[in-house]
């Protein structure tokens, strides 16, 4: 479970940094590294989205366990 939390944290961080770069500098890091909408870049976007959902669920679970 610890590995999953670390992995989701890293992927959500990658997504957040990518969106920050897109908004501030109009630079898409994922597209620059992996190509524009290639299979790999789409896979990264899918994993970031799934990681956000997992992070949301685990955060909610941790909050509900405290009360």
Protein backbone atom coordinates (compact mmCIF):
# COMPACT_ATOMS: atom_id res chain seq x y z
CA UNK A 1 0.00 0.00 0.00
CA UNK A 2 2.88 2.36 0.74
CA UNK A 3 4.27 1.86 -2.77
CA UNK A 4 0.87 2.71 -4.27
CA UNK A 5 0.64 5.92 -2.24
CA UNK A 6 4.13 7.00 -3.28
CA UNK A 7 3.47 6.15 -6.93
CA UNK A 8 0.17 8.04 -6.98
CA UNK A 9 1.79 11.01 -5.25
CA UNK A 10 4.55 11.16 -7.86
CA UNK A 11 2.12 10.85 -10.77
CA UNK A 12 -0.23 13.50 -9.38
CA UNK A 13 2.79 15.74 -8.88
CA UNK A 14 3.84 15.19 -12.50
CA UNK A 15 0.34 16.10 -13.64
CA UNK A 16 0.24 19.22 -11.49
CA UNK A 17 3.66 20.38 -12.67
CA UNK A 18 2.67 19.75 -16.28
CA UNK A 19 -0.51 21.81 -15.93
CA UNK A 20 1.42 24.59 -14.22
CA UNK A 21 3.90 24.68 -17.09
CA UNK A 22 1.08 24.69 -19.65
CA UNK A 23 -0.69 27.60 -17.97
CA UNK A 24 2.38 29.69 -17.16
CA UNK A 25 4.62 29.09 -20.15
CA UNK A 26 2.45 27.30 -22.74
CA UNK A 27 4.86 24.36 -22.51
CA UNK A 28 3.60 20.79 -22.25
CA UNK A 29 6.34 18.72 -20.63
CA UNK A 30 4.71 15.35 -21.33
CA UNK A 31 4.33 16.18 -25.02
CA UNK A 32 7.87 17.50 -25.19
CA UNK A 33 9.29 14.30 -23.71
CA UNK A 34 6.99 11.67 -25.21
CA UNK A 35 5.48 13.29 -28.30
CA UNK A 36 2.15 14.92 -28.97
CA UNK A 37 -0.63 12.43 -28.16
CA UNK A 38 1.44 9.34 -28.76
CA UNK A 39 0.58 6.06 -27.06
CA UNK A 40 3.10 6.80 -24.30
CA UNK A 41 1.85 10.31 -23.62
CA UNK A 42 -1.76 9.11 -23.51
CA UNK A 43 -0.69 6.37 -21.10
CA UNK A 44 0.92 8.97 -18.83
CA UNK A 45 -2.24 11.10 -18.90
CA UNK A 46 -4.39 8.05 -18.07
CA UNK A 47 -2.08 7.05 -15.21
CA UNK A 48 -2.12 10.60 -13.82
CA UNK A 49 -5.93 10.61 -13.88
CA UNK A 50 -6.18 7.20 -12.21
CA UNK A 51 -3.61 8.32 -9.63
CA UNK A 52 -5.68 11.39 -8.82
CA UNK A 53 -8.72 9.20 -8.19
CA UNK A 54 -6.72 6.78 -6.02
CA UNK A 55 -5.19 9.69 -4.12
CA UNK A 56 -8.63 11.16 -3.52
CA UNK A 57 -9.97 7.85 -2.23
CA UNK A 58 -7.01 7.18 0.07
CA UNK A 59 -7.08 10.75 1.38
CA UNK A 60 -10.80 10.45 2.14
CA UNK A 61 -10.21 7.10 3.83
CA UNK A 62 -7.44 8.59 6.01
CA UNK A 63 -9.67 11.52 7.00
CA UNK A 64 -12.63 9.28 7.84
CA UNK A 65 -10.40 6.99 9.92
CA UNK A 66 -9.37 9.93 12.13
CA UNK A 67 -12.96 10.72 13.16
